[in-house]
All heavy atoms as atom14 arrays in JSON, in Angstrom:
{
  "sequence": "AATEVSRGKDTPSGHWELAGVPVPWKWHYFPDEIPAFPPEIT",
  "atom14_mask": [
    [1, 1, 1, 1, 1, 0, 0, 0, 0, 0, 0, 0, 0, 0],
    [1, 1, 1, 1, 1, 0, 0, 0, 0, 0, 0, 0, 0, 0],
    [1, 1, 1, 1, 1, 1, 1, 0, 0, 0, 0, 0, 0, 0],
    [1, 1, 1, 1, 1, 1, 1, 1, 1, 0, 0, 0, 0, 0],
    [1, 1, 1, 1, 1, 1, 1, 0, 0, 0, 0, 0, 0, 0],
    [1, 1, 1, 1, 1, 1, 0, 0, 0, 0, 0, 0, 0, 0],
    [1, 1, 1, 1, 1, 1, 1, 1, 1, 1, 1, 0, 0, 0],
    [1, 1, 1, 1, 0, 0, 0, 0, 0, 0, 0, 0, 0, 0],
    [1, 1, 1, 1, 1, 1, 1, 1, 1, 0, 0, 0, 0, 0],
    [1, 1, 1, 1, 1, 1, 1, 1, 0, 0, 0, 0, 0, 0],
    [1, 1, 1, 1, 1, 1, 1, 0, 0, 0, 0, 0, 0, 0],
    [1, 1, 1, 1, 1, 1, 1, 0, 0, 0, 0, 0, 0, 0],
    [1, 1, 1, 1, 1, 1, 0, 0, 0, 0, 0, 0, 0, 0],
    [1, 1, 1, 1, 0, 0, 0, 0, 0, 0, 0, 0, 0, 0],
    [1, 1, 1, 1, 1, 1, 1, 1, 1, 1, 0, 0, 0, 0],
    [1, 1, 1, 1, 1, 1, 1, 1, 1, 1, 1, 1, 1, 1],
    [1, 1, 1, 1, 1, 1, 1, 1, 1, 0, 0, 0, 0, 0],
    [1, 1, 1, 1, 1, 1, 1, 1, 0, 0, 0, 0, 0, 0],
    [1, 1, 1, 1, 1, 0, 0, 0, 0, 0, 0, 0, 0, 0],
    [1, 1, 1, 1, 0, 0, 0, 0, 0, 0, 0, 0, 0, 0],
    [1, 1, 1, 1, 1, 1, 1, 0, 0, 0, 0, 0, 0, 0],
    [1, 1, 1, 1, 1, 1, 1, 0, 0, 0, 0, 0, 0, 0],
    [1, 1, 1, 1, 1, 1, 1, 0, 0, 0, 0, 0, 0, 0],
    [1, 1, 1, 1, 1, 1, 1, 0, 0, 0, 0, 0, 0, 0],
    [1, 1, 1, 1, 1, 1, 1, 1, 1, 1, 1, 1, 1, 1],
    [1, 1, 1, 1, 1, 1, 1, 1, 1, 0, 0, 0, 0, 0],
    [1, 1, 1, 1, 1, 1, 1, 1, 1, 1, 1, 1, 1, 1],
    [1, 1, 1, 1, 1, 1, 1, 1, 1, 1, 0, 0, 0, 0],
    [1, 1, 1, 1, 1, 1, 1, 1, 1, 1, 1, 1, 0, 0],
    [1, 1, 1, 1, 1, 1, 1, 1, 1, 1, 1, 0, 0, 0],
    [1, 1, 1, 1, 1, 1, 1, 0, 0, 0, 0, 0, 0, 0],
    [1, 1, 1, 1, 1, 1, 1, 1, 0, 0, 0, 0, 0, 0],
    [1, 1, 1, 1, 1, 1, 1, 1, 1, 0, 0, 0, 0, 0],
    [1, 1, 1, 1, 1, 1, 1, 1, 0, 0, 0, 0, 0, 0],
    [1, 1, 1, 1, 1, 1, 1, 0, 0, 0, 0, 0, 0, 0],
    [1, 1, 1, 1, 1, 0, 0, 0, 0, 0, 0, 0, 0, 0],
    [1, 1, 1, 1, 1, 1, 1, 1, 1, 1, 1, 0, 0, 0],
    [1, 1, 1, 1, 1, 1, 1, 0, 0, 0, 0, 0, 0, 0],
    [1, 1, 1, 1, 1, 1, 1, 0, 0, 0, 0, 0, 0, 0],
    [1, 1, 1, 1, 1, 1, 1, 1, 1, 0, 0, 0, 0, 0],
    [1, 1, 1, 1, 1, 1, 1, 1, 0, 0, 0, 0, 0, 0],
    [1, 1, 1, 1, 1, 1, 1, 0, 0, 0, 0, 0, 0, 0]
  ],
  "atom14_positions": [
    [[44.55, 153.11, 43.42], [43.27, 152.47, 43.73], [42.82, 152.95, 45.1], [43.65, 153.33, 45.94], [43.4, 150.95, 43.71], [0.0, 0.0, 0.0], [0.0, 0.0, 0.0], [0.0, 0.0, 0.0], [0.0, 0.0, 0.0], [0.0, 0.0, 0.0], [0.0, 0.0, 0.0], [0.0, 0.0, 0.0], [0.0, 0.0, 0.0], [0.0, 0.0, 0.0]],
    [[41.51, 152.94, 45.32], [40.95, 153.46, 46.56], [40.13, 152.39, 47.27], [39.48, 151.55, 46.63], [40.08, 154.68, 46.29], [0.0, 0.0, 0.0], [0.0, 0.0, 0.0], [0.0, 0.0, 0.0], [0.0, 0.0, 0.0], [0.0, 0.0, 0.0], [0.0, 0.0, 0.0], [0.0, 0.0, 0.0], [0.0, 0.0, 0.0], [0.0, 0.0, 0.0]],
    [[40.16, 152.45, 48.6], [39.46, 151.5, 49.46], [38.4, 152.25, 50.26], [38.67, 153.3, 50.83], [40.44, 150.82, 50.42], [41.51, 150.23, 49.67], [39.75, 149.75, 51.26], [0.0, 0.0, 0.0], [0.0, 0.0, 0.0], [0.0, 0.0, 0.0], [0.0, 0.0, 0.0], [0.0, 0.0, 0.0], [0.0, 0.0, 0.0], [0.0, 0.0, 0.0]],
    [[37.2, 151.68, 50.3], [36.09, 152.29, 51.02], [36.09, 151.87, 52.48], [36.42, 150.73, 52.82], [34.77, 151.85, 50.37], [33.52, 152.51, 50.92], [32.27, 152.12, 50.16], [32.32, 151.17, 49.35], [31.22, 152.77, 50.37], [0.0, 0.0, 0.0], [0.0, 0.0, 0.0], [0.0, 0.0, 0.0], [0.0, 0.0, 0.0], [0.0, 0.0, 0.0]],
    [[35.69, 152.79, 53.38], [35.56, 152.45, 54.8], [34.1, 152.34, 55.22], [33.81, 151.66, 56.22], [36.29, 153.47, 55.7], [37.77, 153.5, 55.38], [35.68, 154.86, 55.6], [0.0, 0.0, 0.0], [0.0, 0.0, 0.0], [0.0, 0.0, 0.0], [0.0, 0.0, 0.0], [0.0, 0.0, 0.0], [0.0, 0.0, 0.0], [0.0, 0.0, 0.0]],
    [[33.19, 152.98, 54.51], [31.77, 152.86, 54.84], [31.34, 151.41, 54.75], [31.81, 150.67, 53.88], [30.92, 153.71, 53.89], [31.28, 155.07, 53.94], [0.0, 0.0, 0.0], [0.0, 0.0, 0.0], [0.0, 0.0, 0.0], [0.0, 0.0, 0.0], [0.0, 0.0, 0.0], [0.0, 0.0, 0.0], [0.0, 0.0, 0.0], [0.0, 0.0, 0.0]],
    [[30.43, 151.01, 55.63], [30.02, 149.6, 55.68], [28.9, 149.33, 54.69], [27.78, 148.97, 55.06], [29.6, 149.24, 57.1], [30.72, 149.33, 58.12], [31.84, 148.38, 57.82], [31.42, 146.98, 57.92], [32.18, 145.97, 57.53], [33.37, 146.17, 57.0], [31.73, 144.72, 57.66], [0.0, 0.0, 0.0], [0.0, 0.0, 0.0], [0.0, 0.0, 0.0]],
    [[29.22, 149.51, 53.44], [28.25, 149.26, 52.39], [28.97, 149.05, 51.08], [30.17, 149.3, 50.96], [0.0, 0.0, 0.0], [0.0, 0.0, 0.0], [0.0, 0.0, 0.0], [0.0, 0.0, 0.0], [0.0, 0.0, 0.0], [0.0, 0.0, 0.0], [0.0, 0.0, 0.0], [0.0, 0.0, 0.0], [0.0, 0.0, 0.0], [0.0, 0.0, 0.0]],
    [[28.21, 148.6, 50.1], [28.75, 148.44, 48.74], [27.68, 148.93, 47.77], [27.27, 148.22, 46.87], [29.16, 147.0, 48.47], [28.1, 145.95, 48.82], [28.58, 144.54, 48.49], [27.51, 143.51, 48.84], [27.92, 142.14, 48.45], [0.0, 0.0, 0.0], [0.0, 0.0, 0.0], [0.0, 0.0, 0.0], [0.0, 0.0, 0.0], [0.0, 0.0, 0.0]],
    [[27.23, 150.15, 48.03], [26.07, 150.69, 47.35], [26.38, 152.08, 46.8], [27.43, 152.66, 47.09], [24.88, 150.76, 48.31], [25.24, 151.51, 49.58], [25.21, 152.75, 49.56], [25.57, 150.84, 50.59], [0.0, 0.0, 0.0], [0.0, 0.0, 0.0], [0.0, 0.0, 0.0], [0.0, 0.0, 0.0], [0.0, 0.0, 0.0], [0.0, 0.0, 0.0]],
    [[25.43, 152.61, 46.05], [25.62, 153.89, 45.38], [25.81, 155.06, 46.35], [26.77, 155.81, 46.22], [24.44, 154.16, 44.43], [24.48, 153.18, 43.39], [24.51, 155.55, 43.82], [0.0, 0.0, 0.0], [0.0, 0.0, 0.0], [0.0, 0.0, 0.0], [0.0, 0.0, 0.0], [0.0, 0.0, 0.0], [0.0, 0.0, 0.0], [0.0, 0.0, 0.0]],
    [[24.91, 155.27, 47.35], [25.12, 156.42, 48.23], [26.43, 156.34, 49.0], [27.17, 157.33, 49.07], [23.9, 156.38, 49.17], [22.87, 155.62, 48.42], [23.62, 154.6, 47.62], [0.0, 0.0, 0.0], [0.0, 0.0, 0.0], [0.0, 0.0, 0.0], [0.0, 0.0, 0.0], [0.0, 0.0, 0.0], [0.0, 0.0, 0.0], [0.0, 0.0, 0.0]],
    [[26.72, 155.19, 49.59], [27.95, 155.06, 50.38], [29.17, 155.41, 49.54], [30.04, 156.19, 49.97], [28.1, 153.64, 50.93], [27.07, 153.31, 51.81], [0.0, 0.0, 0.0], [0.0, 0.0, 0.0], [0.0, 0.0, 0.0], [0.0, 0.0, 0.0], [0.0, 0.0, 0.0], [0.0, 0.0, 0.0], [0.0, 0.0, 0.0], [0.0, 0.0, 0.0]],
    [[29.25, 154.83, 48.34], [30.41, 155.07, 47.5], [30.54, 156.51, 47.06], [31.62, 157.11, 47.15], [0.0, 0.0, 0.0], [0.0, 0.0, 0.0], [0.0, 0.0, 0.0], [0.0, 0.0, 0.0], [0.0, 0.0, 0.0], [0.0, 0.0, 0.0], [0.0, 0.0, 0.0], [0.0, 0.0, 0.0], [0.0, 0.0, 0.0], [0.0, 0.0, 0.0]],
    [[29.44, 157.1, 46.59], [29.51, 158.48, 46.09], [29.76, 159.48, 47.22], [30.53, 160.43, 47.06], [28.23, 158.83, 45.34], [28.17, 158.28, 43.96], [27.86, 156.97, 43.69], [28.39, 158.87, 42.75], [27.89, 156.77, 42.38], [28.2, 157.9, 41.79], [0.0, 0.0, 0.0], [0.0, 0.0, 0.0], [0.0, 0.0, 0.0], [0.0, 0.0, 0.0]],
    [[29.07, 159.3, 48.35], [29.29, 160.24, 49.45], [30.74, 160.2, 49.92], [31.35, 161.23, 50.17], [28.39, 159.89, 50.63], [26.92, 160.07, 50.4], [26.3, 160.55, 49.28], [25.88, 159.75, 51.33], [24.94, 160.54, 49.46], [24.65, 160.06, 50.69], [25.87, 159.23, 52.62], [23.42, 159.86, 51.33], [24.65, 159.04, 53.26], [23.44, 159.35, 52.62]],
    [[31.29, 158.99, 50.02], [32.67, 158.88, 50.49], [33.65, 159.44, 49.47], [34.63, 160.11, 49.83], [33.0, 157.43, 50.83], [34.27, 157.29, 51.66], [34.42, 155.91, 52.28], [33.41, 155.3, 52.69], [35.58, 155.45, 52.36], [0.0, 0.0, 0.0], [0.0, 0.0, 0.0], [0.0, 0.0, 0.0], [0.0, 0.0, 0.0], [0.0, 0.0, 0.0]],
    [[33.4, 159.23, 48.17], [34.22, 159.87, 47.14], [34.14, 161.4, 47.25], [35.08, 162.1, 46.88], [33.76, 159.44, 45.75], [34.09, 158.0, 45.33], [33.34, 157.66, 44.05], [35.6, 157.81, 45.12], [0.0, 0.0, 0.0], [0.0, 0.0, 0.0], [0.0, 0.0, 0.0], [0.0, 0.0, 0.0], [0.0, 0.0, 0.0], [0.0, 0.0, 0.0]],
    [[33.0, 161.9, 47.74], [32.81, 163.33, 47.92], [33.2, 163.81, 49.31], [32.87, 164.93, 49.7], [31.35, 163.7, 47.64], [0.0, 0.0, 0.0], [0.0, 0.0, 0.0], [0.0, 0.0, 0.0], [0.0, 0.0, 0.0], [0.0, 0.0, 0.0], [0.0, 0.0, 0.0], [0.0, 0.0, 0.0], [0.0, 0.0, 0.0], [0.0, 0.0, 0.0]],
    [[33.9, 162.96, 50.07], [34.5, 163.39, 51.32], [33.76, 163.04, 52.59], [34.2, 163.43, 53.68], [0.0, 0.0, 0.0], [0.0, 0.0, 0.0], [0.0, 0.0, 0.0], [0.0, 0.0, 0.0], [0.0, 0.0, 0.0], [0.0, 0.0, 0.0], [0.0, 0.0, 0.0], [0.0, 0.0, 0.0], [0.0, 0.0, 0.0], [0.0, 0.0, 0.0]],
    [[32.64, 162.3, 52.49], [31.8, 162.03, 53.66], [31.53, 160.54, 53.8], [30.59, 160.01, 53.17], [30.47, 162.81, 53.59], [29.63, 162.54, 54.83], [30.73, 164.31, 53.44], [0.0, 0.0, 0.0], [0.0, 0.0, 0.0], [0.0, 0.0, 0.0], [0.0, 0.0, 0.0], [0.0, 0.0, 0.0], [0.0, 0.0, 0.0], [0.0, 0.0, 0.0]],
    [[32.31, 159.82, 54.6], [31.98, 158.42, 54.86], [30.64, 158.31, 55.59], [30.23, 159.22, 56.32], [33.13, 157.94, 55.77], [34.24, 158.93, 55.55], [33.56, 160.23, 55.26], [0.0, 0.0, 0.0], [0.0, 0.0, 0.0], [0.0, 0.0, 0.0], [0.0, 0.0, 0.0], [0.0, 0.0, 0.0], [0.0, 0.0, 0.0], [0.0, 0.0, 0.0]],
    [[29.97, 157.19, 55.4], [28.68, 156.98, 56.05], [28.92, 156.61, 57.52], [29.6, 155.62, 57.8], [27.89, 155.86, 55.35], [26.57, 155.6, 56.06], [27.65, 156.23, 53.89], [0.0, 0.0, 0.0], [0.0, 0.0, 0.0], [0.0, 0.0, 0.0], [0.0, 0.0, 0.0], [0.0, 0.0, 0.0], [0.0, 0.0, 0.0], [0.0, 0.0, 0.0]],
    [[28.35, 157.38, 58.47], [28.65, 157.13, 59.89], [27.72, 156.12, 60.56], [27.85, 155.86, 61.75], [28.45, 158.52, 60.5], [27.37, 159.14, 59.68], [27.58, 158.61, 58.28], [0.0, 0.0, 0.0], [0.0, 0.0, 0.0], [0.0, 0.0, 0.0], [0.0, 0.0, 0.0], [0.0, 0.0, 0.0], [0.0, 0.0, 0.0], [0.0, 0.0, 0.0]],
    [[26.77, 155.56, 59.82], [25.82, 154.63, 60.42], [25.79, 153.33, 59.61], [26.33, 153.25, 58.52], [24.42, 155.25, 60.46], [23.91, 155.7, 59.11], [23.57, 154.93, 58.04], [23.71, 157.05, 58.69], [23.16, 155.7, 56.98], [23.23, 157.01, 57.35], [23.86, 158.3, 59.29], [22.93, 158.16, 56.62], [23.55, 159.43, 58.58], [23.1, 159.36, 57.26]],
    [[25.12, 152.34, 60.17], [24.88, 151.1, 59.45], [23.53, 151.21, 58.73], [22.53, 151.61, 59.32], [24.86, 149.91, 60.42], [26.22, 149.56, 60.99], [26.14, 148.29, 61.83], [27.51, 147.89, 62.37], [27.45, 146.66, 63.2], [0.0, 0.0, 0.0], [0.0, 0.0, 0.0], [0.0, 0.0, 0.0], [0.0, 0.0, 0.0], [0.0, 0.0, 0.0]],
    [[23.53, 150.87, 57.46], [22.3, 150.88, 56.7], [21.38, 149.75, 57.17], [21.84, 148.73, 57.67], [22.57, 150.7, 55.21], [23.34, 151.81, 54.56], [24.61, 151.76, 54.1], [22.87, 153.14, 54.29], [24.98, 152.97, 53.54], [23.93, 153.84, 53.66], [21.67, 153.81, 54.52], [23.82, 155.16, 53.25], [21.56, 155.14, 54.13], [22.62, 155.8, 53.49]],
    [[20.09, 149.95, 56.97], [19.12, 148.88, 57.22], [18.96, 148.05, 55.95], [18.78, 148.6, 54.86], [17.76, 149.47, 57.61], [16.7, 148.42, 57.83], [16.59, 147.72, 59.01], [15.73, 147.94, 57.01], [15.59, 146.86, 58.91], [15.05, 146.98, 57.71], [0.0, 0.0, 0.0], [0.0, 0.0, 0.0], [0.0, 0.0, 0.0], [0.0, 0.0, 0.0]],
    [[19.02, 146.75, 56.11], [18.84, 145.82, 54.99], [17.65, 144.92, 55.28], [17.44, 144.48, 56.41], [20.09, 144.97, 54.78], [21.33, 145.78, 54.48], [22.2, 146.15, 55.5], [21.63, 146.19, 53.19], [23.34, 146.9, 55.23], [22.76, 146.93, 52.91], [23.62, 147.29, 53.94], [24.73, 148.05, 53.68], [0.0, 0.0, 0.0], [0.0, 0.0, 0.0]],
    [[16.89, 144.62, 54.23], [15.74, 143.75, 54.39], [16.17, 142.29, 54.24], [17.02, 141.97, 53.4], [14.66, 144.1, 53.36], [14.06, 145.46, 53.56], [14.37, 146.49, 52.68], [13.22, 145.72, 54.62], [13.83, 147.76, 52.85], [12.67, 146.99, 54.81], [12.98, 148.0, 53.92], [0.0, 0.0, 0.0], [0.0, 0.0, 0.0], [0.0, 0.0, 0.0]],
    [[15.59, 141.39, 55.02], [16.0, 139.98, 54.97], [15.63, 139.33, 53.64], [14.63, 139.69, 53.01], [15.22, 139.35, 56.13], [14.02, 140.23, 56.31], [14.5, 141.62, 55.99], [0.0, 0.0, 0.0], [0.0, 0.0, 0.0], [0.0, 0.0, 0.0], [0.0, 0.0, 0.0], [0.0, 0.0, 0.0], [0.0, 0.0, 0.0], [0.0, 0.0, 0.0]],
    [[16.45, 138.38, 53.24], [16.21, 137.65, 51.99], [15.23, 136.51, 52.27], [15.61, 135.33, 52.35], [17.53, 137.13, 51.41], [17.36, 136.56, 50.01], [16.22, 136.6, 49.48], [18.35, 136.09, 49.44], [0.0, 0.0, 0.0], [0.0, 0.0, 0.0], [0.0, 0.0, 0.0], [0.0, 0.0, 0.0], [0.0, 0.0, 0.0], [0.0, 0.0, 0.0]],
    [[13.99, 136.89, 52.45], [12.92, 135.93, 52.72], [11.62, 136.52, 52.19], [11.57, 137.68, 51.79], [12.81, 135.65, 54.22], [12.57, 136.9, 55.05], [12.7, 136.67, 56.55], [13.62, 135.94, 56.96], [11.88, 137.25, 57.3], [0.0, 0.0, 0.0], [0.0, 0.0, 0.0], [0.0, 0.0, 0.0], [0.0, 0.0, 0.0], [0.0, 0.0, 0.0]],
    [[10.6, 135.72, 52.15], [9.29, 136.17, 51.67], [8.27, 136.0, 52.8], [8.09, 134.89, 53.31], [8.84, 135.37, 50.43], [9.85, 135.55, 49.29], [7.45, 135.82, 49.98], [9.53, 134.7, 48.07], [0.0, 0.0, 0.0], [0.0, 0.0, 0.0], [0.0, 0.0, 0.0], [0.0, 0.0, 0.0], [0.0, 0.0, 0.0], [0.0, 0.0, 0.0]],
    [[7.64, 137.11, 53.25], [7.8, 138.48, 52.76], [9.08, 139.12, 53.29], [9.51, 138.82, 54.41], [6.56, 139.19, 53.3], [6.23, 138.43, 54.57], [6.58, 137.01, 54.29], [0.0, 0.0, 0.0], [0.0, 0.0, 0.0], [0.0, 0.0, 0.0], [0.0, 0.0, 0.0], [0.0, 0.0, 0.0], [0.0, 0.0, 0.0], [0.0, 0.0, 0.0]],
    [[9.65, 140.02, 52.48], [10.87, 140.72, 52.88], [10.59, 141.94, 53.74], [11.46, 142.38, 54.49], [11.65, 141.13, 51.64], [0.0, 0.0, 0.0], [0.0, 0.0, 0.0], [0.0, 0.0, 0.0], [0.0, 0.0, 0.0], [0.0, 0.0, 0.0], [0.0, 0.0, 0.0], [0.0, 0.0, 0.0], [0.0, 0.0, 0.0], [0.0, 0.0, 0.0]],
    [[9.39, 142.51, 53.61], [9.08, 143.78, 54.27], [8.15, 143.58, 55.45], [7.22, 142.76, 55.39], [8.45, 144.75, 53.28], [9.23, 144.91, 52.01], [8.65, 144.68, 50.77], [10.57, 145.26, 52.05], [9.38, 144.81, 49.6], [11.32, 145.4, 50.88], [10.72, 145.17, 49.66], [0.0, 0.0, 0.0], [0.0, 0.0, 0.0], [0.0, 0.0, 0.0]],
    [[8.37, 144.32, 56.53], [7.46, 144.21, 57.68], [6.07, 144.74, 57.34], [5.91, 145.56, 56.43], [8.15, 145.08, 58.74], [9.03, 146.02, 57.98], [9.46, 145.27, 56.76], [0.0, 0.0, 0.0], [0.0, 0.0, 0.0], [0.0, 0.0, 0.0], [0.0, 0.0, 0.0], [0.0, 0.0, 0.0], [0.0, 0.0, 0.0], [0.0, 0.0, 0.0]],
    [[5.06, 144.27, 58.06], [3.67, 144.64, 57.72], [3.42, 146.14, 57.7], [2.62, 146.62, 56.9], [2.86, 143.95, 58.81], [3.71, 142.82, 59.29], [5.12, 143.3, 59.17], [0.0, 0.0, 0.0], [0.0, 0.0, 0.0], [0.0, 0.0, 0.0], [0.0, 0.0, 0.0], [0.0, 0.0, 0.0], [0.0, 0.0, 0.0], [0.0, 0.0, 0.0]],
    [[4.1, 146.88, 58.58], [3.83, 148.32, 58.63], [4.28, 149.04, 57.36], [3.67, 150.03, 56.94], [4.49, 148.96, 59.87], [5.99, 148.82, 59.96], [6.45, 147.57, 60.69], [5.67, 146.6, 60.78], [7.61, 147.58, 61.18], [0.0, 0.0, 0.0], [0.0, 0.0, 0.0], [0.0, 0.0, 0.0], [0.0, 0.0, 0.0], [0.0, 0.0, 0.0]],
    [[5.37, 148.55, 56.71], [5.79, 149.16, 55.45], [4.8, 148.8, 54.34], [4.39, 149.66, 53.55], [7.21, 148.71, 55.08], [8.22, 149.3, 56.06], [7.55, 149.13, 53.64], [9.66, 148.9, 55.78], [0.0, 0.0, 0.0], [0.0, 0.0, 0.0], [0.0, 0.0, 0.0], [0.0, 0.0, 0.0], [0.0, 0.0, 0.0], [0.0, 0.0, 0.0]],
    [[4.41, 147.53, 54.28], [3.44, 147.12, 53.26], [2.14, 147.91, 53.41], [1.56, 148.37, 52.42], [3.16, 145.61, 53.39], [4.39, 144.89, 53.21], [2.16, 145.15, 52.34], [0.0, 0.0, 0.0], [0.0, 0.0, 0.0], [0.0, 0.0, 0.0], [0.0, 0.0, 0.0], [0.0, 0.0, 0.0], [0.0, 0.0, 0.0], [0.0, 0.0, 0.0]]
  ]
}
């Protein structure tokens, strides 16, 4: 069994690390609130 070191539980983190490249940064996550996205993205 294998253990991930990247600070995520998502598709890119898992696949990149399986392919030899742990994610060196923290991903940005949107808050669980409404609205979830800042006005500039909308």
